[in-house]
Amino acid sequence: MYCLIKEWPNKMATLMTEDGVVLWTFSNIEEARKVWHEWCSLHKDSIANQIGALD
């Protein structure tokens, strides 16, 4: 699965799929990255090519 993290002006961050489905919103981008990293670790996926950031 390929996911994106969108950081909002208030510093909150949304983890979403590449087609725009919102999975969860976090209080900051570090928390969103941590959760995605943990999810990938549980599913034995490579993180390097599976996450992007929206500006």
PDB file of N, CA and C in Angstrom:
ATOM      1  N   MET A   1       0.856  -1.176   0.000  1.00  0.00           N
ATOM      2  CA  MET A   1       0.000   0.000   0.000  1.00  0.00           C
ATOM      3  C   MET A   1       0.898   1.234   0.000  1.00  0.00           C
ATOM      4  N   TYR A   2       0.529   2.210  -0.773  1.00  0.00           N
ATOM      5  CA  TYR A   2       1.250   3.480  -0.830  1.00  0.00           C
ATOM      6  C   TYR A   2       0.410   4.513  -0.110  1.00  0.00           C
ATOM      7  N   CYS A   3       1.023   5.217   0.853  1.00  0.00           N
ATOM      8  CA  CYS A   3       0.297   6.236   1.624  1.00  0.00           C
ATOM      9  C   CYS A   3       1.014   7.566   1.566  1.00  0.00           C
ATOM     10  N   LEU A   4       0.259   8.599   1.836  1.00  0.00           N
ATOM     11  CA  LEU A   4       0.768   9.968   1.878  1.00  0.00           C
ATOM     12  C   LEU A   4       0.451  10.568   3.230  1.00  0.00           C
ATOM     13  N   ILE A   5       1.286  11.487   3.656  1.00  0.00           N
ATOM     14  CA  ILE A   5       1.016  12.252   4.871  1.00  0.00           C
ATOM     15  C   ILE A   5       0.865  13.711   4.467  1.00  0.00           C
ATOM     16  N   LYS A   6      -0.264  14.280   4.802  1.00  0.00           N
ATOM     17  CA  LYS A   6      -0.548  15.694   4.515  1.00  0.00           C
ATOM     18  C   LYS A   6      -0.421  16.465   5.815  1.00  0.00           C
ATOM     19  N   GLU A   7       0.490  17.432   5.861  1.00  0.00           N
ATOM     20  CA  GLU A   7       0.625  18.283   7.033  1.00  0.00           C
ATOM     21  C   GLU A   7      -0.196  19.544   6.814  1.00  0.00           C
ATOM     22  N   TRP A   8      -1.028  19.878   7.783  1.00  0.00           N
ATOM     23  CA  TRP A   8      -1.922  21.022   7.710  1.00  0.00           C
ATOM     24  C   TRP A   8      -1.265  22.257   8.330  1.00  0.00           C
ATOM     25  N   PRO A   9      -1.764  23.454   8.034  1.00  0.00           N
ATOM     26  CA  PRO A   9      -1.182  24.685   8.586  1.00  0.00           C
ATOM     27  C   PRO A   9      -1.123  24.700  10.126  1.00  0.00           C
ATOM     28  N   ASN A  10      -2.042  23.992  10.777  1.00  0.00           N
ATOM     29  CA  ASN A  10      -2.030  23.958  12.250  1.00  0.00           C
ATOM     30  C   ASN A  10      -1.100  22.871  12.789  1.00  0.00           C
ATOM     31  N   LYS A  11      -0.284  22.284  11.905  1.00  0.00           N
ATOM     32  CA  LYS A  11       0.715  21.258  12.223  1.00  0.00           C
ATOM     33  C   LYS A  11       0.128  19.868  12.461  1.00  0.00           C
ATOM     34  N   MET A  12      -1.184  19.706  12.315  1.00  0.00           N
ATOM     35  CA  MET A  12      -1.767  18.366  12.365  1.00  0.00           C
ATOM     36  C   MET A  12      -1.390  17.657  11.063  1.00  0.00           C
ATOM     37  N   ALA A  13      -1.482  16.328  11.057  1.00  0.00           N
ATOM     38  CA  ALA A  13      -1.098  15.562   9.871  1.00  0.00           C
ATOM     39  C   ALA A  13      -2.119  14.462   9.615  1.00  0.00           C
ATOM     40  N   THR A  14      -2.446  14.256   8.352  1.00  0.00           N
ATOM     41  CA  THR A  14      -3.396  13.227   7.950  1.00  0.00           C
ATOM     42  C   THR A  14      -2.664  12.157   7.162  1.00  0.00           C
ATOM     43  N   LEU A  15      -2.876  10.916   7.548  1.00  0.00           N
ATOM     44  CA  LEU A  15      -2.353   9.765   6.821  1.00  0.00           C
ATOM     45  C   LEU A  15      -3.454   9.305   5.880  1.00  0.00           C
ATOM     46  N   MET A  16      -3.125   9.240   4.576  1.00  0.00           N
ATOM     47  CA  MET A  16      -4.150   8.876   3.596  1.00  0.00           C
ATOM     48  C   MET A  16      -3.572   7.991   2.513  1.00  0.00           C
ATOM     49  N   THR A  17      -4.461   7.272   1.830  1.00  0.00           N
ATOM     50  CA  THR A  17      -4.034   6.458   0.702  1.00  0.00           C
ATOM     51  C   THR A  17      -3.777   7.371  -0.489  1.00  0.00           C
ATOM     52  N   GLU A  18      -3.118   6.824  -1.505  1.00  0.00           N
ATOM     53  CA  GLU A  18      -2.783   7.638  -2.672  1.00  0.00           C
ATOM     54  C   GLU A  18      -4.010   8.121  -3.437  1.00  0.00           C
ATOM     55  N   ASP A  19      -5.154   7.453  -3.255  1.00  0.00           N
ATOM     56  CA  ASP A  19      -6.372   7.912  -3.931  1.00  0.00           C
ATOM     57  C   ASP A  19      -7.234   8.806  -3.035  1.00  0.00           C
ATOM     58  N   GLY A  20      -6.679   9.256  -1.897  1.00  0.00           N
ATOM     59  CA  GLY A  20      -7.339  10.265  -1.079  1.00  0.00           C
ATOM     60  C   GLY A  20      -8.196   9.775   0.074  1.00  0.00           C
ATOM     61  N   VAL A  21      -8.201   8.475   0.333  1.00  0.00           N
ATOM     62  CA  VAL A  21      -8.977   7.958   1.463  1.00  0.00           C
ATOM     63  C   VAL A  21      -8.220   8.255   2.760  1.00  0.00           C
ATOM     64  N   VAL A  22      -8.864   9.004   3.657  1.00  0.00           N
ATOM     65  CA  VAL A  22      -8.236   9.373   4.925  1.00  0.00           C
ATOM     66  C   VAL A  22      -8.261   8.174   5.866  1.00  0.00           C
ATOM     67  N   LEU A  23      -7.077   7.815   6.361  1.00  0.00           N
ATOM     68  CA  LEU A  23      -6.973   6.699   7.299  1.00  0.00           C
ATOM     69  C   LEU A  23      -7.038   7.185   8.741  1.00  0.00           C
ATOM     70  N   TRP A  24      -6.351   8.304   9.021  1.00  0.00           N
ATOM     71  CA  TRP A  24      -6.334   8.827  10.380  1.00  0.00           C
ATOM     72  C   TRP A  24      -5.714  10.213  10.360  1.00  0.00           C
ATOM     73  N   THR A  25      -6.091  11.040  11.317  1.00  0.00           N
ATOM     74  CA  THR A  25      -5.468  12.354  11.484  1.00  0.00           C
ATOM     75  C   THR A  25      -4.781  12.388  12.834  1.00  0.00           C
ATOM     76  N   PHE A  26      -3.565  12.921  12.848  1.00  0.00           N
ATOM     77  CA  PHE A  26      -2.716  12.942  14.036  1.00  0.00           C
ATOM     78  C   PHE A  26      -2.428  14.374  14.460  1.00  0.00           C
ATOM     79  N   SER A  27      -1.946  14.521  15.677  1.00  0.00           N
ATOM     80  CA  SER A  27      -1.659  15.862  16.199  1.00  0.00           C
ATOM     81  C   SER A  27      -0.408  16.478  15.585  1.00  0.00           C
ATOM     82  N   ASN A  28       0.465  15.645  14.979  1.00  0.00           N
ATOM     83  CA  ASN A  28       1.653  16.173  14.312  1.00  0.00           C
ATOM     84  C   ASN A  28       2.190  15.143  13.313  1.00  0.00           C
ATOM     85  N   ILE A  29       3.092  15.589  12.470  1.00  0.00           N
ATOM     86  CA  ILE A  29       3.613  14.730  11.404  1.00  0.00           C
ATOM     87  C   ILE A  29       4.487  13.605  11.949  1.00  0.00           C
ATOM     88  N   GLU A  30       5.193  13.846  13.041  1.00  0.00           N
ATOM     89  CA  GLU A  30       6.037  12.805  13.625  1.00  0.00           C
ATOM     90  C   GLU A  30       5.202  11.619  14.101  1.00  0.00           C
ATOM     91  N   GLU A  31       4.065  11.906  14.688  1.00  0.00           N
ATOM     92  CA  GLU A  31       3.174  10.848  15.153  1.00  0.00           C
ATOM     93  C   GLU A  31       2.636  10.034  13.973  1.00  0.00           C
ATOM     94  N   ALA A  32       2.276  10.712  12.889  1.00  0.00           N
ATOM     95  CA  ALA A  32       1.785  10.020  11.692  1.00  0.00           C
ATOM     96  C   ALA A  32       2.865   9.112  11.113  1.00  0.00           C
ATOM     97  N   ARG A  33       4.086   9.599  11.040  1.00  0.00           N
ATOM     98  CA  ARG A  33       5.197   8.783  10.521  1.00  0.00           C
ATOM     99  C   ARG A  33       5.456   7.578  11.410  1.00  0.00           C
ATOM    100  N   LYS A  34       5.390   7.776  12.710  1.00  0.00           N
ATOM    101  CA  LYS A  34       5.624   6.690  13.659  1.00  0.00           C
ATOM    102  C   LYS A  34       4.583   5.577  13.467  1.00  0.00           C
ATOM    103  N   VAL A  35       3.322   5.953  13.370  1.00  0.00           N
ATOM    104  CA  VAL A  35       2.256   4.960  13.192  1.00  0.00           C
ATOM    105  C   VAL A  35       2.432   4.228  11.874  1.00  0.00           C
ATOM    106  N   TRP A  36       2.759   4.935  10.796  1.00  0.00           N
ATOM    107  CA  TRP A  36       2.949   4.284   9.503  1.00  0.00           C
ATOM    108  C   TRP A  36       4.129   3.318   9.553  1.00  0.00           C
ATOM    109  N   HIS A  37       5.208   3.740  10.197  1.00  0.00           N
ATOM    110  CA  HIS A  37       6.387   2.881  10.335  1.00  0.00           C
ATOM    111  C   HIS A  37       6.030   1.611  11.108  1.00  0.00           C
ATOM    112  N   GLU A  38       5.295   1.732  12.188  1.00  0.00           N
ATOM    113  CA  GLU A  38       4.884   0.573  12.981  1.00  0.00           C
ATOM    114  C   GLU A  38       3.985  -0.360  12.164  1.00  0.00           C
ATOM    115  N   TRP A  39       3.070   0.217  11.389  1.00  0.00           N
ATOM    116  CA  TRP A  39       2.175  -0.595  10.566  1.00  0.00           C
ATOM    117  C   TRP A  39       2.981  -1.391   9.544  1.00  0.00           C
ATOM    118  N   CYS A  40       3.929  -0.725   8.897  1.00  0.00           N
ATOM    119  CA  CYS A  40       4.767  -1.405   7.899  1.00  0.00           C
ATOM    120  C   CYS A  40       5.605  -2.500   8.544  1.00  0.00           C
ATOM    121  N   SER A  41       6.126  -2.244   9.735  1.00  0.00           N
ATOM    122  CA  SER A  41       6.921  -3.247  10.439  1.00  0.00           C
ATOM    123  C   SER A  41       6.086  -4.483  10.740  1.00  0.00           C
ATOM    124  N   LEU A  42       4.856  -4.279  11.128  1.00  0.00           N
ATOM    125  CA  LEU A  42       3.968  -5.403  11.420  1.00  0.00           C
ATOM    126  C   LEU A  42       3.639  -6.207  10.167  1.00  0.00           C
ATOM    127  N   HIS A  43       3.605  -5.543   9.034  1.00  0.00           N
ATOM    128  CA  HIS A  43       3.233  -6.197   7.781  1.00  0.00           C
ATOM    129  C   HIS A  43       4.433  -6.520   6.909  1.00  0.00           C
ATOM    130  N   LYS A  44       5.635  -6.336   7.440  1.00  0.00           N
ATOM    131  CA  LYS A  44       6.873  -6.690   6.736  1.00  0.00           C
ATOM    132  C   LYS A  44       7.020  -5.988   5.398  1.00  0.00           C
ATOM    133  N   ASP A  45       6.497  -4.783   5.303  1.00  0.00           N
ATOM    134  CA  ASP A  45       6.608  -4.004   4.069  1.00  0.00           C
ATOM    135  C   ASP A  45       7.822  -3.078   4.147  1.00  0.00           C
ATOM    136  N   SER A  46       8.357  -2.753   3.008  1.00  0.00           N
ATOM    137  CA  SER A  46       9.436  -1.770   2.937  1.00  0.00           C
ATOM    138  C   SER A  46       8.829  -0.376   2.981  1.00  0.00           C
ATOM    139  N   ILE A  47       9.353   0.464   3.846  1.00  0.00           N
ATOM    140  CA  ILE A  47       8.830   1.811   4.008  1.00  0.00           C
ATOM    141  C   ILE A  47       9.397   2.757   2.954  1.00  0.00           C
ATOM    142  N   ALA A  48      10.602   2.516   2.524  1.00  0.00           N
ATOM    143  CA  ALA A  48      11.328   3.475   1.700  1.00  0.00           C
ATOM    144  C   ALA A  48      10.535   3.995   0.506  1.00  0.00           C
ATOM    145  N   ASN A  49       9.835   3.148  -0.198  1.00  0.00           N
ATOM    146  CA  ASN A  49       9.137   3.571  -1.411  1.00  0.00           C
ATOM    147  C   ASN A  49       7.638   3.592  -1.242  1.00  0.00           C
ATOM    148  N   GLN A  50       7.161   3.615  -0.012  1.00  0.00           N
ATOM    149  CA  GLN A  50       5.726   3.508   0.198  1.00  0.00           C
ATOM    150  C   GLN A  50       5.111   4.705   0.905  1.00  0.00           C
ATOM    151  N   ILE A  51       5.867   5.721   1.169  1.00  0.00           N
ATOM    152  CA  ILE A  51       5.282   6.877   1.824  1.00  0.00           C
ATOM    153  C   ILE A  51       5.768   8.146   1.140  1.00  0.00           C
ATOM    154  N   GLY A  52       4.878   9.091   1.015  1.00  0.00           N
ATOM    155  CA  GLY A  52       5.196  10.370   0.421  1.00  0.00           C
ATOM    156  C   GLY A  52       4.650  11.468   1.297  1.00  0.00           C
ATOM    157  N   ALA A  53       5.003  12.671   0.991  1.00  0.00           N
ATOM    158  CA  ALA A  53       4.495  13.806   1.749  1.00  0.00           C
ATOM    159  C   ALA A  53       3.874  14.810   0.803  1.00  0.00           C
ATOM    160  N   LEU A  54       2.734  15.323   1.187  1.00  0.00           N
ATOM    161  CA  LEU A  54       2.075  16.370   0.423  1.00  0.00           C
ATOM    162  C   LEU A  54       2.395  17.711   1.061  1.00  0.00           C
ATOM    163  N   ASP A  55       2.732  18.672   0.257  1.00  0.00           N
ATOM    164  CA  ASP A  55       3.011  20.013   0.792  1.00  0.00           C
ATOM    165  C   ASP A  55       1.773  20.864   0.766  1.00  0.00           C
TER     166      ASP A  55
END
